[in-house]
PDB file of all heavy atoms in Angstrom:
ATOM      1  N   GLY A   1       0.797  -1.220   0.000  1.00  0.00           N
ATOM      2  CA  GLY A   1       0.000   0.000   0.000  1.00  0.00           C
ATOM      3  C   GLY A   1       0.828   1.267   0.000  1.00  0.00           C
ATOM      4  O   GLY A   1       0.279   2.369   0.018  1.00  0.00           O
ATOM      5  N   ILE A   2       2.158   1.134  -0.037  1.00  0.00           N
ATOM      6  CA  ILE A   2       3.019   2.316  -0.086  1.00  0.00           C
ATOM      7  C   ILE A   2       2.824   3.000  -1.430  1.00  0.00           C
ATOM      8  O   ILE A   2       2.825   2.350  -2.481  1.00  0.00           O
ATOM      9  CB  ILE A   2       4.503   1.928   0.130  1.00  0.00           C
ATOM     10  CG1 ILE A   2       4.686   1.370   1.544  1.00  0.00           C
ATOM     11  CG2 ILE A   2       5.420   3.110  -0.118  1.00  0.00           C
ATOM     12  CD1 ILE A   2       6.057   0.783   1.802  1.00  0.00           C
ATOM     13  N   SER A   3       2.667   4.301  -1.409  1.00  0.00           N
ATOM     14  CA  SER A   3       2.380   5.034  -2.641  1.00  0.00           C
ATOM     15  C   SER A   3       3.575   5.001  -3.597  1.00  0.00           C
ATOM     16  O   SER A   3       4.721   4.803  -3.191  1.00  0.00           O
ATOM     17  CB  SER A   3       2.031   6.487  -2.323  1.00  0.00           C
ATOM     18  OG  SER A   3       3.201   7.196  -1.943  1.00  0.00           O
ATOM     19  N   ARG A   4       3.263   5.231  -4.865  1.00  0.00           N
ATOM     20  CA  ARG A   4       4.320   5.297  -5.881  1.00  0.00           C
ATOM     21  C   ARG A   4       5.295   6.415  -5.568  1.00  0.00           C
ATOM     22  O   ARG A   4       6.504   6.249  -5.735  1.00  0.00           O
ATOM     23  CB  ARG A   4       3.713   5.465  -7.266  1.00  0.00           C
ATOM     24  CG  ARG A   4       2.942   4.242  -7.690  1.00  0.00           C
ATOM     25  CD  ARG A   4       2.266   4.411  -9.020  1.00  0.00           C
ATOM     26  NE  ARG A   4       1.403   3.240  -9.238  1.00  0.00           N
ATOM     27  CZ  ARG A   4       0.638   3.064 -10.279  1.00  0.00           C
ATOM     28  NH1 ARG A   4       0.621   3.976 -11.236  1.00  0.00           N
ATOM     29  NH2 ARG A   4      -0.106   1.993 -10.384  1.00  0.00           N
ATOM     30  N   ALA A   5       4.781   7.539  -5.125  1.00  0.00           N
ATOM     31  CA  ALA A   5       5.661   8.666  -4.789  1.00  0.00           C
ATOM     32  C   ALA A   5       6.629   8.287  -3.679  1.00  0.00           C
ATOM     33  O   ALA A   5       7.823   8.580  -3.760  1.00  0.00           O
ATOM     34  CB  ALA A   5       4.830   9.882  -4.385  1.00  0.00           C
ATOM     35  N   GLU A   6       6.115   7.623  -2.633  1.00  0.00           N
ATOM     36  CA  GLU A   6       6.977   7.198  -1.523  1.00  0.00           C
ATOM     37  C   GLU A   6       8.003   6.154  -1.966  1.00  0.00           C
ATOM     38  O   GLU A   6       9.093   6.084  -1.410  1.00  0.00           O
ATOM     39  CB  GLU A   6       6.137   6.611  -0.382  1.00  0.00           C
ATOM     40  CG  GLU A   6       5.291   7.619   0.351  1.00  0.00           C
ATOM     41  CD  GLU A   6       4.403   6.926   1.365  1.00  0.00           C
ATOM     42  OE1 GLU A   6       3.370   6.350   0.954  1.00  0.00           O
ATOM     43  OE2 GLU A   6       4.752   6.960   2.571  1.00  0.00           O
ATOM     44  N   SER A   7       7.646   5.347  -2.958  1.00  0.00           N
ATOM     45  CA  SER A   7       8.544   4.297  -3.446  1.00  0.00           C
ATOM     46  C   SER A   7       9.503   4.790  -4.514  1.00  0.00           C
ATOM     47  O   SER A   7      10.349   4.043  -4.980  1.00  0.00           O
ATOM     48  CB  SER A   7       7.728   3.142  -4.040  1.00  0.00           C
ATOM     49  OG  SER A   7       6.961   2.523  -3.061  1.00  0.00           O
ATOM     50  N   GLY A   8       9.329   6.035  -4.941  1.00  0.00           N
ATOM     51  CA  GLY A   8      10.183   6.571  -5.995  1.00  0.00           C
ATOM     52  C   GLY A   8       9.796   6.092  -7.387  1.00  0.00           C
ATOM     53  O   GLY A   8      10.606   6.136  -8.315  1.00  0.00           O
ATOM     54  N   LEU A   9       8.548   5.656  -7.541  1.00  0.00           N
ATOM     55  CA  LEU A   9       8.064   5.192  -8.837  1.00  0.00           C
ATOM     56  C   LEU A   9       7.380   6.326  -9.593  1.00  0.00           C
ATOM     57  O   LEU A   9       6.824   7.243  -8.980  1.00  0.00           O
ATOM     58  CB  LEU A   9       7.051   4.057  -8.647  1.00  0.00           C
ATOM     59  CG  LEU A   9       7.593   2.728  -8.180  1.00  0.00           C
ATOM     60  CD1 LEU A   9       6.450   1.786  -7.822  1.00  0.00           C
ATOM     61  CD2 LEU A   9       8.472   2.117  -9.250  1.00  0.00           C
ATOM     62  N   PRO A  10       7.379   6.254 -10.929  1.00  0.00           N
ATOM     63  CA  PRO A  10       6.610   7.228 -11.702  1.00  0.00           C
ATOM     64  C   PRO A  10       5.127   7.148 -11.332  1.00  0.00           C
ATOM     65  O   PRO A  10       4.649   6.099 -10.879  1.00  0.00           O
ATOM     66  CB  PRO A  10       6.828   6.792 -13.153  1.00  0.00           C
ATOM     67  CG  PRO A  10       8.031   5.922 -13.141  1.00  0.00           C
ATOM     68  CD  PRO A  10       8.080   5.291 -11.779  1.00  0.00           C
ATOM     69  N   ALA A  11       4.406   8.228 -11.558  1.00  0.00           N
ATOM     70  CA  ALA A  11       2.990   8.269 -11.206  1.00  0.00           C
ATOM     71  C   ALA A  11       2.158   7.285 -12.023  1.00  0.00           C
ATOM     72  O   ALA A  11       1.174   6.742 -11.531  1.00  0.00           O
ATOM     73  CB  ALA A  11       2.450   9.683 -11.383  1.00  0.00           C
ATOM     74  N   GLY A  12       2.533   7.059 -13.263  1.00  0.00           N
ATOM     75  CA  GLY A  12       1.754   6.176 -14.119  1.00  0.00           C
ATOM     76  C   GLY A  12       2.606   5.408 -15.091  1.00  0.00           C
ATOM     77  O   GLY A  12       3.807   5.672 -15.229  1.00  0.00           O
ATOM     78  N   PRO A  13       1.981   4.487 -15.806  1.00  0.00           N
ATOM     79  CA  PRO A  13       2.741   3.634 -16.714  1.00  0.00           C
ATOM     80  C   PRO A  13       3.418   4.399 -17.849  1.00  0.00           C
ATOM     81  O   PRO A  13       4.537   4.060 -18.234  1.00  0.00           O
ATOM     82  CB  PRO A  13       1.706   2.652 -17.258  1.00  0.00           C
ATOM     83  CG  PRO A  13       0.388   3.065 -16.751  1.00  0.00           C
ATOM     84  CD  PRO A  13       0.580   4.111 -15.714  1.00  0.00           C
ATOM     85  N   ASP A  14       2.778   5.425 -18.399  1.00  0.00           N
ATOM     86  CA  ASP A  14       3.400   6.164 -19.505  1.00  0.00           C
ATOM     87  C   ASP A  14       4.753   6.745 -19.105  1.00  0.00           C
ATOM     88  O   ASP A  14       5.716   6.673 -19.875  1.00  0.00           O
ATOM     89  CB  ASP A  14       2.485   7.295 -19.995  1.00  0.00           C
ATOM     90  CG  ASP A  14       1.307   6.777 -20.803  1.00  0.00           C
ATOM     91  OD1 ASP A  14       1.332   5.592 -21.212  1.00  0.00           O
ATOM     92  OD2 ASP A  14       0.363   7.553 -21.026  1.00  0.00           O
ATOM     93  N   GLU A  15       4.829   7.279 -17.907  1.00  0.00           N
ATOM     94  CA  GLU A  15       6.079   7.886 -17.436  1.00  0.00           C
ATOM     95  C   GLU A  15       7.162   6.831 -17.192  1.00  0.00           C
ATOM     96  O   GLU A  15       8.350   7.155 -17.201  1.00  0.00           O
ATOM     97  CB  GLU A  15       5.851   8.679 -16.147  1.00  0.00           C
ATOM     98  CG  GLU A  15       4.928   9.868 -16.296  1.00  0.00           C
ATOM     99  CD  GLU A  15       3.448   9.539 -16.126  1.00  0.00           C
ATOM    100  OE1 GLU A  15       3.085   8.360 -15.945  1.00  0.00           O
ATOM    101  OE2 GLU A  15       2.638  10.476 -16.200  1.00  0.00           O
ATOM    102  N   SER A  16       6.758   5.592 -16.988  1.00  0.00           N
ATOM    103  CA  SER A  16       7.737   4.550 -16.683  1.00  0.00           C
ATOM    104  C   SER A  16       8.578   4.145 -17.893  1.00  0.00           C
ATOM    105  O   SER A  16       9.594   3.475 -17.741  1.00  0.00           O
ATOM    106  CB  SER A  16       7.043   3.319 -16.087  1.00  0.00           C
ATOM    107  OG  SER A  16       6.295   2.633 -17.059  1.00  0.00           O
ATOM    108  N   PHE A  17       8.181   4.550 -19.074  1.00  0.00           N
ATOM    109  CA  PHE A  17       8.950   4.279 -20.293  1.00  0.00           C
ATOM    110  C   PHE A  17      10.033   5.331 -20.547  1.00  0.00           C
ATOM    111  O   PHE A  17      10.906   5.131 -21.383  1.00  0.00           O
ATOM    112  CB  PHE A  17       8.029   4.263 -21.520  1.00  0.00           C
ATOM    113  CG  PHE A  17       7.196   3.028 -21.648  1.00  0.00           C
ATOM    114  CD1 PHE A  17       5.928   2.967 -21.080  1.00  0.00           C
ATOM    115  CD2 PHE A  17       7.651   1.928 -22.359  1.00  0.00           C
ATOM    116  CE1 PHE A  17       5.139   1.833 -21.213  1.00  0.00           C
ATOM    117  CE2 PHE A  17       6.874   0.790 -22.499  1.00  0.00           C
ATOM    118  CZ  PHE A  17       5.613   0.740 -21.917  1.00  0.00           C
ATOM    119  N   VAL A  18       9.947   6.463 -19.856  1.00  0.00           N
ATOM    120  CA  VAL A  18      10.851   7.582 -20.111  1.00  0.00           C
ATOM    121  C   VAL A  18      12.266   7.232 -19.656  1.00  0.00           C
ATOM    122  O   VAL A  18      12.477   6.820 -18.511  1.00  0.00           O
ATOM    123  CB  VAL A  18      10.353   8.864 -19.408  1.00  0.00           C
ATOM    124  CG1 VAL A  18      11.340  10.000 -19.581  1.00  0.00           C
ATOM    125  CG2 VAL A  18       8.976   9.259 -19.940  1.00  0.00           C
ATOM    126  N   LEU A  19      13.212   7.426 -20.562  1.00  0.00           N
ATOM    127  CA  LEU A  19      14.610   7.132 -20.260  1.00  0.00           C
ATOM    128  C   LEU A  19      15.336   8.392 -19.813  1.00  0.00           C
ATOM    129  O   LEU A  19      15.190   9.441 -20.431  1.00  0.00           O
ATOM    130  CB  LEU A  19      15.303   6.549 -21.496  1.00  0.00           C
ATOM    131  CG  LEU A  19      14.755   5.205 -21.970  1.00  0.00           C
ATOM    132  CD1 LEU A  19      15.394   4.821 -23.300  1.00  0.00           C
ATOM    133  CD2 LEU A  19      14.981   4.128 -20.923  1.00  0.00           C
ATOM    134  N   ALA A  20      16.095   8.272 -18.754  1.00  0.00           N
ATOM    135  CA  ALA A  20      16.964   9.352 -18.293  1.00  0.00           C
ATOM    136  C   ALA A  20      18.302   9.216 -19.018  1.00  0.00           C
ATOM    137  O   ALA A  20      18.668   8.121 -19.460  1.00  0.00           O
ATOM    138  CB  ALA A  20      17.165   9.251 -16.784  1.00  0.00           C
ATOM    139  N   PRO A  21      19.044  10.298 -19.133  1.00  0.00           N
ATOM    140  CA  PRO A  21      20.346  10.213 -19.810  1.00  0.00           C
ATOM    141  C   PRO A  21      21.276   9.163 -19.185  1.00  0.00           C
ATOM    142  O   PRO A  21      22.062   8.535 -19.886  1.00  0.00           O
ATOM    143  CB  PRO A  21      20.924  11.620 -19.662  1.00  0.00           C
ATOM    144  CG  PRO A  21      19.743  12.505 -19.462  1.00  0.00           C
ATOM    145  CD  PRO A  21      18.720  11.665 -18.732  1.00  0.00           C
ATOM    146  N   GLU A  22      21.170   8.959 -17.882  1.00  0.00           N
ATOM    147  CA  GLU A  22      22.061   8.015 -17.193  1.00  0.00           C
ATOM    148  C   GLU A  22      21.596   6.558 -17.288  1.00  0.00           C
ATOM    149  O   GLU A  22      22.301   5.647 -16.853  1.00  0.00           O
ATOM    150  CB  GLU A  22      22.245   8.411 -15.726  1.00  0.00           C
ATOM    151  CG  GLU A  22      20.991   8.367 -14.883  1.00  0.00           C
ATOM    152  CD  GLU A  22      20.167   9.653 -14.895  1.00  0.00           C
ATOM    153  OE1 GLU A  22      20.428  10.562 -15.717  1.00  0.00           O
ATOM    154  OE2 GLU A  22      19.225   9.742 -14.085  1.00  0.00           O
ATOM    155  N   ASP A  23      20.411   6.298 -17.863  1.00  0.00           N
ATOM    156  CA  ASP A  23      19.945   4.921 -18.030  1.00  0.00           C
ATOM    157  C   ASP A  23      20.793   4.211 -19.075  1.00  0.00           C
ATOM    158  O   ASP A  23      20.996   4.724 -20.182  1.00  0.00           O
ATOM    159  CB  ASP A  23      18.472   4.894 -18.471  1.00  0.00           C
ATOM    160  CG  ASP A  23      17.503   5.253 -17.369  1.00  0.00           C
ATOM    161  OD1 ASP A  23      17.831   4.999 -16.188  1.00  0.00           O
ATOM    162  OD2 ASP A  23      16.427   5.783 -17.683  1.00  0.00           O
ATOM    163  N   THR A  24      21.287   3.042 -18.712  1.00  0.00           N
ATOM    164  CA  THR A  24      22.085   2.212 -19.610  1.00  0.00           C
ATOM    165  C   THR A  24      21.492   0.808 -19.623  1.00  0.00           C
ATOM    166  O   THR A  24      20.672   0.468 -18.766  1.00  0.00           O
ATOM    167  CB  THR A  24      23.546   2.120 -19.146  1.00  0.00           C
ATOM    168  OG1 THR A  24      23.578   1.441 -17.874  1.00  0.00           O
ATOM    169  CG2 THR A  24      24.202   3.496 -19.022  1.00  0.00           C
ATOM    170  N   ILE A  25      21.942   0.003 -20.554  1.00  0.00           N
ATOM    171  CA  ILE A  25      21.506  -1.387 -20.574  1.00  0.00           C
ATOM    172  C   ILE A  25      21.811  -2.026 -19.229  1.00  0.00           C
ATOM    173  O   ILE A  25      20.952  -2.686 -18.634  1.00  0.00           O
ATOM    174  CB  ILE A  25      22.177  -2.159 -21.732  1.00  0.00           C
ATOM    175  CG1 ILE A  25      21.643  -1.667 -23.073  1.00  0.00           C
ATOM    176  CG2 ILE A  25      21.964  -3.662 -21.574  1.00  0.00           C
ATOM    177  CD1 ILE A  25      22.384  -2.198 -24.290  1.00  0.00           C
ATOM    178  N   GLU A  26      23.011  -1.806 -18.740  1.00  0.00           N
ATOM    179  CA  GLU A  26      23.409  -2.415 -17.462  1.00  0.00           C
ATOM    180  C   GLU A  26      22.558  -1.917 -16.302  1.00  0.00           C
ATOM    181  O   GLU A  26      22.080  -2.712 -15.490  1.00  0.00           O
ATOM    182  CB  GLU A  26      24.889  -2.143 -17.185  1.00  0.00           C
ATOM    183  CG  GLU A  26      25.382  -2.800 -15.912  1.00  0.00           C
ATOM    184  CD  GLU A  26      26.854  -2.527 -15.643  1.00  0.00           C
ATOM    185  OE1 GLU A  26      27.596  -2.211 -16.577  1.00  0.00           O
ATOM    186  OE2 GLU A  26      27.237  -2.630 -14.465  1.00  0.00           O
ATOM    187  N   SER A  27      22.333  -0.617 -16.209  1.00  0.00           N
ATOM    188  CA  SER A  27      21.590  -0.082 -15.062  1.00  0.00           C
ATOM    189  C   SER A  27      20.116  -0.459 -15.108  1.00  0.00           C
ATOM    190  O   SER A  27      19.522  -0.799 -14.075  1.00  0.00           O
ATOM    191  CB  SER A  27      21.749   1.440 -14.972  1.00  0.00           C
ATOM    192  OG  SER A  27      21.069   2.110 -16.024  1.00  0.00           O
ATOM    193  N   VAL A  28      19.524  -0.436 -16.283  1.00  0.00           N
ATOM    194  CA  VAL A  28      18.100  -0.769 -16.405  1.00  0.00           C
ATOM    195  C   VAL A  28      17.889  -2.262 -16.182  1.00  0.00           C
ATOM    196  O   VAL A  28      16.957  -2.669 -15.476  1.00  0.00           O
ATOM    197  CB  VAL A  28      17.545  -0.299 -17.768  1.00  0.00           C
ATOM    198  CG1 VAL A  28      16.149  -0.850 -18.027  1.00  0.00           C
ATOM    199  CG2 VAL A  28      17.543   1.230 -17.828  1.00  0.00           C
ATOM    200  N   ARG A  29      18.766  -3.093 -16.744  1.00  0.00           N
ATOM    201  CA  ARG A  29      18.634  -4.533 -16.532  1.00  0.00           C
ATOM    202  C   ARG A  29      18.855  -4.876 -15.052  1.00  0.00           C
ATOM    203  O   ARG A  29      18.153  -5.697 -14.488  1.00  0.00           O
ATOM    204  CB  ARG A  29      19.607  -5.322 -17.404  1.00  0.00           C
ATOM    205  CG  ARG A  29      19.283  -6.803 -17.360  1.00  0.00           C
ATOM    206  CD  ARG A  29      20.240  -7.707 -18.105  1.00  0.00           C
ATOM    207  NE  ARG A  29      20.920  -7.171 -19.221  1.00  0.00           N
ATOM    208  CZ  ARG A  29      20.934  -7.718 -20.432  1.00  0.00           C
ATOM    209  NH1 ARG A  29      20.280  -8.817 -20.669  1.00  0.00           N
ATOM    210  NH2 ARG A  29      21.632  -7.163 -21.394  1.00  0.00           N
ATOM    211  N   SER A  30      19.815  -4.221 -14.418  1.00  0.00           N
ATOM    212  CA  SER A  30      20.077  -4.458 -12.998  1.00  0.00           C
ATOM    213  C   SER A  30      18.861  -4.082 -12.144  1.00  0.00           C
ATOM    214  O   SER A  30      18.480  -4.809 -11.229  1.00  0.00           O
ATOM    215  CB  SER A  30      21.312  -3.681 -12.553  1.00  0.00           C
ATOM    216  OG  SER A  30      21.524  -3.842 -11.181  1.00  0.00           O
ATOM    217  N   ALA A  31      18.238  -2.945 -12.454  1.00  0.00           N
ATOM    218  CA  ALA A  31      17.043  -2.525 -11.715  1.00  0.00           C
ATOM    219  C   ALA A  31      15.914  -3.531 -11.920  1.00  0.00           C
ATOM    220  O   ALA A  31      15.177  -3.853 -10.972  1.00  0.00           O
ATOM    221  CB  ALA A  31      16.606  -1.134 -12.163  1.00  0.00           C
ATOM    222  N   PHE A  32      15.770  -4.051 -13.141  1.00  0.00           N
ATOM    223  CA  PHE A  32      14.739  -5.051 -13.412  1.00  0.00           C
ATOM    224  C   PHE A  32      15.019  -6.332 -12.628  1.00  0.00           C
ATOM    225  O   PHE A  32      14.124  -6.882 -11.993  1.00  0.00           O
ATOM    226  CB  PHE A  32      14.663  -5.334 -14.919  1.00  0.00           C
ATOM    227  CG  PHE A  32      13.635  -6.371 -15.289  1.00  0.00           C
ATOM    228  CD1 PHE A  32      12.287  -6.155 -15.043  1.00  0.00           C
ATOM    229  CD2 PHE A  32      14.014  -7.559 -15.886  1.00  0.00           C
ATOM    230  CE1 PHE A  32      11.335  -7.111 -15.381  1.00  0.00           C
ATOM    231  CE2 PHE A  32      13.073  -8.521 -16.232  1.00  0.00           C
ATOM    232  CZ  PHE A  32      11.734  -8.296 -15.981  1.00  0.00           C
ATOM    233  N   GLU A  33      16.254  -6.793 -12.644  1.00  0.00           N
ATOM    234  CA  GLU A  33      16.600  -8.014 -11.914  1.00  0.00           C
ATOM    235  C   GLU A  33      16.405  -7.843 -10.410  1.00  0.00           C
ATOM    236  O   GLU A  33      15.919  -8.757  -9.738  1.00  0.00           O
ATOM    237  CB  GLU A  33      18.035  -8.432 -12.248  1.00  0.00           C
ATOM    238  CG  GLU A  33      18.153  -8.941 -13.683  1.00  0.00           C
ATOM    239  CD  GLU A  33      19.587  -9.135 -14.157  1.00  0.00           C
ATOM    240  OE1 GLU A  33      20.546  -8.832 -13.398  1.00  0.00           O
ATOM    241  OE2 GLU A  33      19.749  -9.585 -15.312  1.00  0.00           O
TER     242      GLU A  33
END
């Protein structure tokens, strides 16, 4: 029940596709794992 804001998640699914300049294959795959 912890909110997305408290968890550091985007507010909605559309925003979750947005890539930051620092996102790399390694960092994104690591976060997924």
